[in-house]
C-alpha atoms as a PDB file:
ATOM      1  CA  MET A   1      -2.494  -2.085 -23.224  1.00  0.00           C
ATOM      2  CA  ASN A   2      -1.422  -5.456 -21.835  1.00  0.00           C
ATOM      3  CA  ALA A   3       2.299  -5.220 -21.099  1.00  0.00           C
ATOM      4  CA  ASP A   4       5.028  -6.199 -18.653  1.00  0.00           C
ATOM      5  CA  CYS A   5       5.419  -3.615 -15.929  1.00  0.00           C
ATOM      6  CA  LEU A   6       7.102  -2.994 -12.611  1.00  0.00           C
ATOM      7  CA  LYS A   7       5.494  -1.947  -9.357  1.00  0.00           C
ATOM      8  CA  LEU A   8       7.818   0.225  -7.274  1.00  0.00           C
ATOM      9  CA  THR A   9       6.808   0.248  -3.601  1.00  0.00           C
ATOM     10  CA  THR A  10       8.486   2.237  -0.844  1.00  0.00           C
ATOM     11  CA  TYR A  11       7.985   1.907   2.915  1.00  0.00           C
ATOM     12  CA  PHE A  12       9.088   4.741   5.208  1.00  0.00           C
ATOM     13  CA  GLY A  13       7.963   7.046   8.013  1.00  0.00           C
ATOM     14  CA  GLU A  14       5.712  10.102   7.774  1.00  0.00           C
ATOM     15  CA  THR A  15       8.420  12.383   9.181  1.00  0.00           C
ATOM     16  CA  ASP A  16      11.182  11.132   6.849  1.00  0.00           C
ATOM     17  CA  ARG A  17      12.594  14.042   4.881  1.00  0.00           C
ATOM     18  CA  THR A  18      15.077  14.824   2.143  1.00  0.00           C
ATOM     19  CA  ASP A  19      17.236  17.934   1.957  1.00  0.00           C
ATOM     20  CA  ARG A  20      14.431  19.466  -0.121  1.00  0.00           C
ATOM     21  CA  GLY A  21      11.408  18.581   1.997  1.00  0.00           C
ATOM     22  CA  SER A  22       9.088  15.684   2.843  1.00  0.00           C
ATOM     23  CA  LEU A  23      10.118  12.333   1.352  1.00  0.00           C
ATOM     24  CA  ALA A  24       6.508  11.522   0.441  1.00  0.00           C
ATOM     25  CA  GLU A  25       6.128  14.832  -1.412  1.00  0.00           C
ATOM     26  CA  LYS A  26       9.418  14.459  -3.272  1.00  0.00           C
ATOM     27  CA  LEU A  27       8.665  10.901  -4.358  1.00  0.00           C
ATOM     28  CA  LEU A  28       5.336  12.009  -5.820  1.00  0.00           C
ATOM     29  CA  ASP A  29       7.080  14.942  -7.489  1.00  0.00           C
ATOM     30  CA  VAL A  30       9.402  12.462  -9.235  1.00  0.00           C
ATOM     31  CA  TYR A  31       6.456  10.307 -10.347  1.00  0.00           C
ATOM     32  CA  ALA A  32       4.595  13.354 -11.666  1.00  0.00           C
ATOM     33  CA  GLU A  33       7.602  14.839 -13.467  1.00  0.00           C
ATOM     34  CA  HIS A  34       8.320  11.560 -15.256  1.00  0.00           C
ATOM     35  CA  GLY A  35       4.702  10.852 -16.199  1.00  0.00           C
ATOM     36  CA  VAL A  36       4.382   7.581 -14.287  1.00  0.00           C
ATOM     37  CA  ALA A  37       1.126   5.812 -15.207  1.00  0.00           C
ATOM     38  CA  SER A  38      -0.171   5.859 -11.626  1.00  0.00           C
ATOM     39  CA  SER A  39       1.115   6.391  -8.116  1.00  0.00           C
ATOM     40  CA  ILE A  40      -0.437   6.689  -4.689  1.00  0.00           C
ATOM     41  CA  ALA A  41       0.728   7.426  -1.127  1.00  0.00           C
ATOM     42  CA  LEU A  42      -1.018   5.570   1.699  1.00  0.00           C
ATOM     43  CA  ARG A  43      -0.783   6.338   5.427  1.00  0.00           C
ATOM     44  CA  GLY A  44      -0.591   3.269   7.669  1.00  0.00           C
ATOM     45  CA  THR A  45      -2.086   2.833  11.118  1.00  0.00           C
ATOM     46  CA  GLU A  46       0.876   1.080  12.723  1.00  0.00           C
ATOM     47  CA  GLY A  47       4.117  -0.639  11.909  1.00  0.00           C
ATOM     48  CA  PHE A  48       7.863  -0.859  12.434  1.00  0.00           C
ATOM     49  CA  GLY A  49      11.007  -0.923  10.308  1.00  0.00           C
ATOM     50  CA  ARG A  50      14.629  -2.007  10.556  1.00  0.00           C
ATOM     51  CA  LEU A  51      15.182  -0.062  13.830  1.00  0.00           C
ATOM     52  CA  HIS A  52      12.252  -1.928  15.433  1.00  0.00           C
ATOM     53  CA  HIS A  53      10.512   1.218  16.701  1.00  0.00           C
ATOM     54  CA  LEU A  54       6.744   0.728  16.853  1.00  0.00           C
ATOM     55  CA  HIS A  55       4.695   3.553  15.312  1.00  0.00           C
ATOM     56  CA  THR A  56       0.943   3.507  15.858  1.00  0.00           C
ATOM     57  CA  ARG A  57      -2.002   5.876  15.989  1.00  0.00           C
ATOM     58  CA  SER A  58      -3.666   4.051  18.886  1.00  0.00           C
ATOM     59  CA  LEU A  59      -4.695   6.330  21.742  1.00  0.00           C
ATOM     60  CA  GLU A  60      -2.398   4.542  24.183  1.00  0.00           C
ATOM     61  CA  THR A  61       0.798   5.161  22.198  1.00  0.00           C
ATOM     62  CA  LEU A  62      -0.081   7.906  19.732  1.00  0.00           C
ATOM     63  CA  SER A  63       2.704   8.391  17.181  1.00  0.00           C
ATOM     64  CA  TYR A  64       3.328  11.391  14.974  1.00  0.00           C
ATOM     65  CA  ASP A  65       5.482   9.292  12.649  1.00  0.00           C
ATOM     66  CA  LEU A  66       3.022   6.849  11.104  1.00  0.00           C
ATOM     67  CA  PRO A  67       4.124   4.488   8.319  1.00  0.00           C
ATOM     68  CA  ILE A  68       3.782   5.655   4.717  1.00  0.00           C
ATOM     69  CA  VAL A  69       3.590   3.314   1.735  1.00  0.00           C
ATOM     70  CA  SER A  70       3.944   4.727  -1.773  1.00  0.00           C
ATOM     71  CA  ILE A  71       3.215   2.668  -4.884  1.00  0.00           C
ATOM     72  CA  ALA A  72       4.148   3.582  -8.464  1.00  0.00           C
ATOM     73  CA  VAL A  73       3.345   1.445 -11.532  1.00  0.00           C
ATOM     74  CA  ASP A  74       4.356   1.744 -15.167  1.00  0.00           C
ATOM     75  CA  THR A  75       6.229  -0.095 -17.885  1.00  0.00           C
ATOM     76  CA  ARG A  76       9.565  -1.647 -16.997  1.00  0.00           C
ATOM     77  CA  GLU A  77      11.434   1.036 -18.975  1.00  0.00           C
ATOM     78  CA  ARG A  78       9.694   3.942 -17.225  1.00  0.00           C
ATOM     79  CA  ILE A  79      10.190   2.567 -13.717  1.00  0.00           C
ATOM     80  CA  GLU A  80      13.820   1.616 -14.359  1.00  0.00           C
ATOM     81  CA  SER A  81      14.484   5.152 -15.607  1.00  0.00           C
ATOM     82  CA  ILE A  82      13.588   6.646 -12.194  1.00  0.00           C
ATOM     83  CA  LEU A  83      15.158   4.041  -9.899  1.00  0.00           C
ATOM     84  CA  ASP A  84      18.343   6.020  -9.276  1.00  0.00           C
ATOM     85  CA  LEU A  85      16.308   9.124  -8.418  1.00  0.00           C
ATOM     86  CA  VAL A  86      14.154   7.175  -5.947  1.00  0.00           C
ATOM     87  CA  ARG A  87      17.163   5.507  -4.339  1.00  0.00           C
ATOM     88  CA  GLY A  88      18.836   8.898  -4.021  1.00  0.00           C
ATOM     89  CA  LEU A  89      15.856  10.210  -2.055  1.00  0.00           C
ATOM     90  CA  HIS A  90      15.148   7.081  -0.032  1.00  0.00           C
ATOM     91  CA  GLU A  91      17.935   6.603   2.518  1.00  0.00           C
ATOM     92  CA  HIS A  92      15.780   4.779   5.075  1.00  0.00           C
ATOM     93  CA  GLY A  93      13.097   2.142   4.930  1.00  0.00           C
ATOM     94  CA  ILE A  94      12.501  -0.450   2.224  1.00  0.00           C
ATOM     95  CA  VAL A  95      12.141  -0.219  -1.544  1.00  0.00           C
ATOM     96  CA  THR A  96      10.793  -3.206  -3.506  1.00  0.00           C
ATOM     97  CA  LEU A  97      10.344  -3.965  -7.200  1.00  0.00           C
ATOM     98  CA  GLU A  98       7.637  -6.424  -8.185  1.00  0.00           C
ATOM     99  CA  ARG A  99       6.895  -7.770 -11.647  1.00  0.00           C
ATOM    100  CA  ALA A 100       3.317  -7.443 -12.902  1.00  0.00           C
ATOM    101  CA  ARG A 101       1.098  -7.102 -15.983  1.00  0.00           C
ATOM    102  CA  LEU A 102      -0.237  -3.621 -16.727  1.00  0.00           C
ATOM    103  CA  LEU A 103      -3.770  -3.493 -18.153  1.00  0.00           C
ATOM    104  CA  SER A 104      -5.393  -0.341 -19.525  1.00  0.00           C
ATOM    105  CA  GLY A 105      -7.789   0.774 -22.254  1.00  0.00           C
ATOM    106  CA  GLN A 106      -9.796  -2.147 -23.648  1.00  0.00           C
ATOM    107  CA  ILE A 107      -9.547  -4.868 -20.986  1.00  0.00           C
ATOM    108  CA  GLU A 108      -9.705  -8.473 -22.179  1.00  0.00           C
ATOM    109  CA  SER A 109     -10.299 -11.640 -20.176  1.00  0.00           C
ATOM    110  CA  GLU A 110      -6.877 -13.222 -20.664  1.00  0.00           C
ATOM    111  CA  LEU A 111      -4.080 -14.011 -18.248  1.00  0.00           C
ATOM    112  CA  PRO A 112      -0.506 -14.777 -19.321  1.00  0.00           C
ATOM    113  CA  GLY A 113       0.546 -18.403 -19.103  1.00  0.00           C
ATOM    114  CA  GLU A 114       2.884 -17.835 -16.137  1.00  0.00           C
ATOM    115  CA  PHE A 115      -0.009 -17.182 -13.748  1.00  0.00           C
ATOM    116  CA  GLY A 116      -0.823 -20.064 -11.412  1.00  0.00           C
ATOM    117  CA  ASP A 117      -3.997 -20.889  -9.551  1.00  0.00           C
ATOM    118  CA  SER A 118      -4.336 -17.490  -7.854  1.00  0.00           C
ATOM    119  CA  ALA A 119      -3.883 -13.871  -8.923  1.00  0.00           C
ATOM    120  CA  LYS A 120      -3.651 -10.478  -7.259  1.00  0.00           C
ATOM    121  CA  LEU A 121      -5.540  -7.715  -9.052  1.00  0.00           C
ATOM    122  CA  THR A 122      -4.924  -4.052  -8.161  1.00  0.00           C
ATOM    123  CA  ILE A 123      -7.292  -1.439  -9.595  1.00  0.00           C
ATOM    124  CA  TYR A 124      -5.999   2.154  -9.608  1.00  0.00           C
ATOM    125  CA  LEU A 125      -8.964   4.479  -9.193  1.00  0.00           C
ATOM    126  CA  GLY A 126      -7.404   7.922  -9.209  1.00  0.00           C
ATOM    127  CA  ARG A 127      -9.919  10.569  -8.179  1.00  0.00           C
ATOM    128  CA  GLN A 128     -13.532   9.622  -8.790  1.00  0.00           C
ATOM    129  CA  PRO A 129     -16.594  11.927  -9.129  1.00  0.00           C
ATOM    130  CA  GLN A 130     -18.697  12.161  -5.968  1.00  0.00           C
ATOM    131  CA  ASN A 131     -21.989  12.961  -7.678  1.00  0.00           C
ATOM    132  CA  THR A 132     -22.957   9.302  -8.109  1.00  0.00           C
ATOM    133  CA  ARG A 133     -25.292   7.475  -5.736  1.00  0.00           C
ATOM    134  CA  THR A 134     -22.984   4.461  -5.374  1.00  0.00           C
ATOM    135  CA  PRO A 135     -19.208   5.072  -5.245  1.00  0.00           C
ATOM    136  CA  VAL A 136     -17.382   3.128  -7.942  1.00  0.00           C
ATOM    137  CA  SER A 137     -15.253   1.404  -5.289  1.00  0.00           C
ATOM    138  CA  VAL A 138     -18.398   0.022  -3.620  1.00  0.00           C
ATOM    139  CA  ALA A 139     -19.822  -1.095  -6.974  1.00  0.00           C
ATOM    140  CA  ILE A 140     -16.567  -2.882  -7.832  1.00  0.00           C
ATOM    141  CA  CYS A 141     -16.425  -4.670  -4.456  1.00  0.00           C
ATOM    142  CA  ASP A 142     -20.040  -5.785  -4.849  1.00  0.00           C
ATOM    143  CA  LEU A 143     -19.238  -7.187  -8.303  1.00  0.00           C
ATOM    144  CA  LEU A 144     -16.112  -8.982  -7.045  1.00  0.00           C
ATOM    145  CA  TYR A 145     -18.106 -10.483  -4.171  1.00  0.00           C
ATOM    146  CA  ARG A 146     -20.885 -11.696  -6.478  1.00  0.00           C
ATOM    147  CA  ARG A 147     -18.308 -13.308  -8.782  1.00  0.00           C
ATOM    148  CA  GLU A 148     -16.808 -15.170  -5.778  1.00  0.00           C
ATOM    149  CA  ILE A 149     -13.403 -13.482  -5.767  1.00  0.00           C
ATOM    150  CA  ALA A 150     -11.773 -14.486  -2.451  1.00  0.00           C
ATOM    151  CA  GLY A 151     -11.351 -10.956  -1.071  1.00  0.00           C
ATOM    152  CA  ALA A 152     -11.084  -7.265  -1.910  1.00  0.00           C
ATOM    153  CA  SER A 153     -10.028  -4.159   0.027  1.00  0.00           C
ATOM    154  CA  VAL A 154     -10.441  -0.471  -0.837  1.00  0.00           C
ATOM    155  CA  LEU A 155      -7.571   1.792   0.275  1.00  0.00           C
ATOM    156  CA  THR A 156      -7.793   5.588   0.173  1.00  0.00           C
ATOM    157  CA  GLY A 157      -4.617   7.562  -0.447  1.00  0.00           C
ATOM    158  CA  ILE A 158      -3.443  10.888   0.906  1.00  0.00           C
ATOM    159  CA  ASP A 159      -2.037  11.914  -2.482  1.00  0.00           C
ATOM    160  CA  GLY A 160      -1.057  10.470  -5.826  1.00  0.00           C
ATOM    161  CA  THR A 161      -0.450  10.992  -9.518  1.00  0.00           C
ATOM    162  CA  ARG A 162      -1.981   9.818 -12.783  1.00  0.00           C
ATOM    163  CA  GLU A 163      -0.074  10.161 -16.086  1.00  0.00           C
ATOM    164  CA  GLY A 164       2.029  13.002 -14.672  1.00  0.00           C
ATOM    165  CA  THR A 165      -0.819  14.893 -12.958  1.00  0.00           C
ATOM    166  CA  ARG A 166      -0.961  15.277  -9.169  1.00  0.00           C
ATOM    167  CA  HIS A 167      -4.300  14.261  -7.662  1.00  0.00           C
ATOM    168  CA  SER A 168      -4.069  16.964  -5.019  1.00  0.00           C
ATOM    169  CA  SER A 169      -4.112  19.912  -7.426  1.00  0.00           C
ATOM    170  CA  GLY A 170      -6.463  21.373 -10.008  1.00  0.00           C
ATOM    171  CA  PRO A 171      -9.970  22.834 -10.069  1.00  0.00           C
ATOM    172  CA  ARG A 172     -11.616  19.436  -9.409  1.00  0.00           C
ATOM    173  CA  ARG A 173      -9.845  18.949  -6.108  1.00  0.00           C
ATOM    174  CA  HIS A 174     -12.988  19.504  -4.021  1.00  0.00           C
ATOM    175  CA  THR A 175     -15.453  17.796  -6.389  1.00  0.00           C
ATOM    176  CA  ALA A 176     -13.812  14.393  -6.523  1.00  0.00           C
ATOM    177  CA  SER A 177     -12.899  11.737  -3.980  1.00  0.00           C
ATOM    178  CA  PRO A 178      -9.295  11.118  -2.870  1.00  0.00           C
ATOM    179  CA  PRO A 179      -7.189   8.754  -4.995  1.00  0.00           C
ATOM    180  CA  GLY A 180      -7.638   5.099  -4.149  1.00  0.00           C
ATOM    181  CA  ILE A 181      -6.825   1.532  -5.057  1.00  0.00           C
ATOM    182  CA  ILE A 182      -8.686  -1.764  -4.763  1.00  0.00           C
ATOM    183  CA  ILE A 183      -6.657  -4.908  -4.045  1.00  0.00           C
ATOM    184  CA  ALA A 184      -8.429  -8.181  -4.882  1.00  0.00           C
ATOM    185  CA  ILE A 185      -7.222 -11.768  -4.447  1.00  0.00           C
ATOM    186  CA  GLY A 186      -8.854 -14.706  -6.162  1.00  0.00           C
ATOM    187  CA  ASP A 187      -8.782 -17.733  -8.405  1.00  0.00           C
ATOM    188  CA  SER A 188      -6.954 -16.846 -11.641  1.00  0.00           C
ATOM    189  CA  ASP A 189      -9.744 -18.052 -13.923  1.00  0.00           C
ATOM    190  CA  ARG A 190     -12.375 -16.078 -12.012  1.00  0.00           C
ATOM    191  CA  VAL A 191     -10.212 -12.953 -12.037  1.00  0.00           C
ATOM    192  CA  ALA A 192      -9.616 -13.273 -15.788  1.00  0.00           C
ATOM    193  CA  ALA A 193     -13.319 -13.728 -16.502  1.00  0.00           C
ATOM    194  CA  ILE A 194     -14.325 -10.582 -14.618  1.00  0.00           C
ATOM    195  CA  LEU A 195     -11.714  -8.229 -16.110  1.00  0.00           C
ATOM    196  CA  PRO A 196     -13.829  -6.835 -19.019  1.00  0.00           C
ATOM    197  CA  GLU A 197     -16.773  -6.197 -16.684  1.00  0.00           C
ATOM    198  CA  LEU A 198     -14.517  -4.337 -14.259  1.00  0.00           C
ATOM    199  CA  GLY A 199     -13.089  -2.261 -17.092  1.00  0.00           C
ATOM    200  CA  SER A 200     -16.586  -1.191 -18.137  1.00  0.00           C
ATOM    201  CA  LEU A 201     -17.158   0.383 -14.697  1.00  0.00           C
ATOM    202  CA  LEU A 202     -14.214   2.779 -15.108  1.00  0.00           C
ATOM    203  CA  ASP A 203     -13.781   5.753 -17.450  1.00  0.00           C
ATOM    204  CA  GLU A 204     -10.028   5.169 -17.735  1.00  0.00           C
ATOM    205  CA  PRO A 205      -9.300   1.644 -16.472  1.00  0.00           C
ATOM    206  CA  LEU A 206      -5.812   0.945 -15.148  1.00  0.00           C
ATOM    207  CA  MET A 207      -5.010  -2.325 -13.396  1.00  0.00           C
ATOM    208  CA  THR A 208      -2.088  -4.585 -12.553  1.00  0.00           C
ATOM    209  CA  LEU A 209      -2.023  -8.371 -12.248  1.00  0.00           C
ATOM    210  CA  GLU A 210       0.512 -10.236 -10.116  1.00  0.00           C
ATOM    211  CA  ARG A 211       1.168 -13.838  -9.201  1.00  0.00           C
ATOM    212  CA  VAL A 212       0.239 -14.720  -5.643  1.00  0.00           C
ATOM    213  CA  ARG A 213      -0.075 -17.813  -3.463  1.00  0.00           C
ATOM    214  CA  ILE A 214      -3.033 -18.097  -1.076  1.00  0.00           C
ATOM    215  CA  CYS A 215      -1.634 -19.638   2.112  1.00  0.00           C
ATOM    216  CA  LYS A 216      -4.634 -19.407   4.457  1.00  0.00           C
ATOM    217  CA  ARG A 217      -8.284 -18.415   4.348  1.00  0.00           C
ATOM    218  CA  ASP A 218     -10.494 -18.147   7.441  1.00  0.00           C
ATOM    219  CA  GLY A 219      -8.265 -20.475   9.426  1.00  0.00           C
ATOM    220  CA  GLN A 220      -7.836 -23.131   6.730  1.00  0.00           C
ATOM    221  CA  LEU A 221      -4.235 -23.772   5.653  1.00  0.00           C
ATOM    222  CA  PHE A 222      -3.771 -24.222   1.895  1.00  0.00           C
ATOM    223  CA  ALA A 223      -0.026 -23.807   1.394  1.00  0.00           C
ATOM    224  CA  GLN A 224       3.197 -22.662   3.002  1.00  0.00           C
ATOM    225  CA  PRO A 225       5.023 -19.551   1.695  1.00  0.00           C
ATOM    226  CA  HIS A 226       7.218 -20.102  -1.355  1.00  0.00           C
ATOM    227  CA  GLU A 227      10.485 -21.969  -0.887  1.00  0.00           C
ATOM    228  CA  LEU A 228      13.060 -19.858  -2.722  1.00  0.00           C
ATOM    229  CA  PRO A 229      16.709 -19.964  -3.748  1.00  0.00           C
ATOM    230  CA  GLY A 230      18.920 -17.086  -2.678  1.00  0.00           C
ATOM    231  CA  HIS A 231      18.824 -15.230  -6.029  1.00  0.00           C
ATOM    232  CA  ASP A 232      16.801 -15.141  -9.232  1.00  0.00           C
ATOM    233  CA  ASP A 233      18.049 -15.743 -12.801  1.00  0.00           C
ATOM    234  CA  HIS A 234      19.318 -12.141 -13.013  1.00  0.00           C
ATOM    235  CA  GLY A 235      21.334 -12.361  -9.810  1.00  0.00           C
ATOM    236  CA  LEU A 236      18.887 -10.291  -7.762  1.00  0.00           C
ATOM    237  CA  GLU A 237      18.452 -11.327  -4.154  1.00  0.00           C
ATOM    238  CA  LEU A 238      15.035 -12.916  -3.611  1.00  0.00           C
ATOM    239  CA  TRP A 239      12.900 -11.722  -0.724  1.00  0.00           C
ATOM    240  CA  GLN A 240       9.305 -12.501   0.142  1.00  0.00           C
ATOM    241  CA  LYS A 241       6.183 -10.634   1.112  1.00  0.00           C
ATOM    242  CA  LEU A 242       3.390 -11.931   3.317  1.00  0.00           C
ATOM    243  CA  THR A 243       0.093 -10.026   3.305  1.00  0.00           C
ATOM    244  CA  ILE A 244      -2.650 -10.606   5.858  1.00  0.00           C
ATOM    245  CA  TYR A 245      -6.140  -9.380   4.972  1.00  0.00           C
ATOM    246  CA  CYS A 246      -8.643  -9.282   7.824  1.00  0.00           C
ATOM    247  CA  SER A 247     -11.027  -6.883   9.557  1.00  0.00           C
ATOM    248  CA  PHE A 248     -10.098  -4.375  12.246  1.00  0.00           C
ATOM    249  CA  SER A 249     -12.786  -6.088  14.329  1.00  0.00           C
ATOM    250  CA  ALA A 250     -11.195  -9.569  14.015  1.00  0.00           C
ATOM    251  CA  THR A 251      -9.742 -10.836  17.293  1.00  0.00           C
ATOM    252  CA  HIS A 252      -7.559 -13.677  18.555  1.00  0.00           C
ATOM    253  CA  HIS A 253      -8.063 -14.504  22.219  1.00  0.00           C
ATOM    254  CA  GLY A 254      -9.672 -11.097  22.740  1.00  0.00           C
ATOM    255  CA  ARG A 255      -6.939  -9.059  21.013  1.00  0.00           C
ATOM    256  CA  ASN A 256      -7.054  -7.454  17.570  1.00  0.00           C
ATOM    257  CA  VAL A 257      -5.467  -9.799  15.031  1.00  0.00           C
ATOM    258  CA  HIS A 258      -3.639  -7.099  13.044  1.00  0.00           C
ATOM    259  CA  SER A 259      -2.139  -5.452  16.152  1.00  0.00           C
ATOM    260  CA  GLU A 260      -1.067  -8.779  17.614  1.00  0.00           C
ATOM    261  CA  ILE A 261       0.676  -9.689  14.358  1.00  0.00           C
ATOM    262  CA  VAL A 262       2.677  -6.448  14.373  1.00  0.00           C
ATOM    263  CA  ARG A 263       3.591  -6.751  18.050  1.00  0.00           C
ATOM    264  CA  LYS A 264       4.603 -10.417  17.859  1.00  0.00           C
ATOM    265  CA  LEU A 265       6.706  -9.761  14.764  1.00  0.00           C
ATOM    266  CA  LEU A 266       8.296  -6.750  16.485  1.00  0.00           C
ATOM    267  CA  ALA A 267       9.631  -9.121  19.131  1.00  0.00           C
ATOM    268  CA  SER A 268      11.047 -11.436  16.450  1.00  0.00           C
ATOM    269  CA  ASP A 269      13.739 -10.968  13.787  1.00  0.00           C
ATOM    270  CA  ALA A 270      11.292  -9.623  11.181  1.00  0.00           C
ATOM    271  CA  THR A 271      12.644  -6.769   9.025  1.00  0.00           C
ATOM    272  CA  GLY A 272       9.411  -4.795   9.287  1.00  0.00           C
ATOM    273  CA  ALA A 273       5.631  -4.822   9.140  1.00  0.00           C
ATOM    274  CA  THR A 274       3.040  -2.220   8.145  1.00  0.00           C
ATOM    275  CA  THR A 275      -0.728  -2.203   8.654  1.00  0.00           C
ATOM    276  CA  LEU A 276      -3.007  -0.206   6.342  1.00  0.00           C
ATOM    277  CA  ALA A 277      -6.669   0.534   7.032  1.00  0.00           C
ATOM    278  CA  GLY A 278      -9.162   0.087   4.236  1.00  0.00           C
ATOM    279  CA  THR A 279     -12.441   1.964   3.881  1.00  0.00           C
ATOM    280  CA  TRP A 280     -14.558  -0.825   2.376  1.00  0.00           C
ATOM    281  CA  GLY A 281     -14.135  -4.455   1.407  1.00  0.00           C
ATOM    282  CA  TYR A 282     -14.590  -8.101   2.310  1.00  0.00           C
ATOM    283  CA  HIS A 283     -12.831 -11.447   2.472  1.00  0.00           C
ATOM    284  CA  GLY A 284     -14.209 -14.958   2.284  1.00  0.00           C
ATOM    285  CA  ASP A 285     -17.946 -15.344   2.672  1.00  0.00           C
ATOM    286  CA  HIS A 286     -18.385 -12.095   4.610  1.00  0.00           C
ATOM    287  CA  PRO A 287     -20.338  -9.499   2.536  1.00  0.00           C
ATOM    288  CA  PRO A 288     -18.637  -6.157   1.675  1.00  0.00           C
ATOM    289  CA  HIS A 289     -18.631  -3.818   4.656  1.00  0.00           C
ATOM    290  CA  GLY A 290     -17.179  -0.644   6.136  1.00  0.00           C
ATOM    291  CA  ASP A 291     -17.532   1.577   9.189  1.00  0.00           C
ATOM    292  CA  LYS A 292     -21.017   2.386  10.450  1.00  0.00           C
ATOM    293  CA  LEU A 293     -22.343   4.854  13.001  1.00  0.00           C
ATOM    294  CA  PHE A 294     -22.779   3.718  16.610  1.00  0.00           C
ATOM    295  CA  GLN A 295     -20.494   0.683  16.472  1.00  0.00           C
ATOM    296  CA  LEU A 296     -17.891  -0.078  19.125  1.00  0.00           C
ATOM    297  CA  ARG A 297     -15.335  -1.716  16.838  1.00  0.00           C
ATOM    298  CA  ARG A 298     -14.043  -0.573  13.452  1.00  0.00           C
ATOM    299  CA  HIS A 299     -15.486  -2.803  10.746  1.00  0.00           C
ATOM    300  CA  VAL A 300     -13.094  -1.990   7.892  1.00  0.00           C
ATOM    301  CA  PRO A 301     -10.382  -4.072   6.221  1.00  0.00           C
ATOM    302  CA  ALA A 302      -6.949  -4.263   7.837  1.00  0.00           C
ATOM    303  CA  ILE A 303      -4.044  -5.165   5.557  1.00  0.00           C
ATOM    304  CA  THR A 304      -0.704  -6.061   7.163  1.00  0.00           C
ATOM    305  CA  VAL A 305       2.392  -6.390   4.948  1.00  0.00           C
ATOM    306  CA  VAL A 306       5.533  -8.235   6.079  1.00  0.00           C
ATOM    307  CA  ILE A 307       8.730  -8.308   3.968  1.00  0.00           C
ATOM    308  CA  GLY A 308      11.902 -10.278   4.599  1.00  0.00           C
ATOM    309  CA  THR A 309      14.288 -12.998   3.540  1.00  0.00           C
ATOM    310  CA  PRO A 310      12.831 -16.491   2.976  1.00  0.00           C
ATOM    311  CA  GLN A 311      14.259 -17.550   6.330  1.00  0.00           C
ATOM    312  CA  GLN A 312      12.682 -14.591   8.138  1.00  0.00           C
ATOM    313  CA  ILE A 313       9.367 -15.122   6.359  1.00  0.00           C
ATOM    314  CA  ALA A 314       9.288 -18.795   7.353  1.00  0.00           C
ATOM    315  CA  ARG A 315       9.626 -17.785  11.014  1.00  0.00           C
ATOM    316  CA  SER A 316       7.135 -14.931  10.616  1.00  0.00           C
ATOM    317  CA  PHE A 317       4.601 -17.283   9.056  1.00  0.00           C
ATOM    318  CA  GLU A 318       4.689 -19.491  12.147  1.00  0.00           C
ATOM    319  CA  ILE A 319       3.575 -16.466  14.199  1.00  0.00           C
ATOM    320  CA  ILE A 320       0.980 -15.392  11.635  1.00  0.00           C
ATOM    321  CA  ASP A 321      -0.368 -18.949  11.324  1.00  0.00           C
ATOM    322  CA  GLN A 322      -1.133 -19.032  15.054  1.00  0.00           C
ATOM    323  CA  LEU A 323      -2.833 -15.625  15.052  1.00  0.00           C
ATOM    324  CA  THR A 324      -5.003 -16.366  11.980  1.00  0.00           C
ATOM    325  CA  SER A 325      -6.451 -19.617  13.311  1.00  0.00           C
ATOM    326  CA  GLU A 326      -9.992 -18.324  12.690  1.00  0.00           C
ATOM    327  CA  HIS A 327      -9.879 -15.119  10.655  1.00  0.00           C
ATOM    328  CA  GLY A 328      -8.072 -13.652   7.691  1.00  0.00           C
ATOM    329  CA  LEU A 329      -6.727 -14.252   4.211  1.00  0.00           C
ATOM    330  CA  VAL A 330      -2.937 -14.783   4.066  1.00  0.00           C
ATOM    331  CA  THR A 331      -0.957 -14.597   0.817  1.00  0.00           C
ATOM    332  CA  SER A 332       2.679 -15.036  -0.166  1.00  0.00           C
ATOM    333  CA  GLU A 333       4.515 -13.219  -2.990  1.00  0.00           C
ATOM    334  CA  ILE A 334       8.062 -13.163  -4.348  1.00  0.00           C
ATOM    335  CA  VAL A 335       9.914  -9.845  -4.241  1.00  0.00           C
ATOM    336  CA  PRO A 336      12.742 -10.184  -6.800  1.00  0.00           C
ATOM    337  CA  ALA A 337      14.551  -6.957  -5.921  1.00  0.00           C
ATOM    338  CA  MET A 338      14.899  -4.990  -2.719  1.00  0.00           C
ATOM    339  CA  HIS A 339      16.791  -2.066  -1.227  1.00  0.00           C
ATOM    340  CA  ALA A 340      16.847  -1.530   2.545  1.00  0.00           C
END
């Protein structure tokens, strides 16, 4: 399959509930009941939303309400059919819709004409067998690194669904790894060329491709975030998303880059920011890496997502630009629909 799709992403707190239970659980129930191609729930390490309350799992200010990000992908028709249900559950936080290409089955090395110089590739792993010497996520990151893709991060979910089946249930629950995704950013031509090889590493490949602009890489400025009109051709309000990919060990003037970004944005007019911790990955010329025993600093990817109006994003980018003077990969994306 190579078809237009929508990626439905929700940002909320771990303690957010509906009248029928946990919001995270109920969202995944909806995705399972409607046979969504793939969904995953990710627990963040720190962040804030519209009320500007910082939630973090640092020892100094331990929070029991960490950020949760859920992602669901499928054809436009399938996602649009569940939007009212999701909005009915999601009274707080942010809901975004992003246009993408959905790839599954036999993967070919072609990108649609609307893609520019750079592309964002998301690989949905589901649960993977643990009886292999090299985890498939590690093998994929190694391949992406060898093919000079700008960066890739592996994120492990707390739950998810695949074609209507919950990852957290069934007899294979204890013989497979948790659901996960790999987010890779790179030159469009390089990403297109590697797609068939990536597909051959997976039993049931499922990927999405999105347009993205690389703004910065290891301190070098390539472009500013998109300059946008107020609304798109369909009348939907246009918002933007900035994503900062770096390592938990990256610092700026002795302070962790990802934490400084969240704290500086908290003091600004930013709508919200969420940091997710990866388990393996790389960016730039740094080889793929993850946590190791007997190290003082965490050496895993840190992904910070910031969403807001074009005006807010322009001001947020000034802060992010200062804090990524040496480290990190910064991208800009258009979010054509949003509910806050």
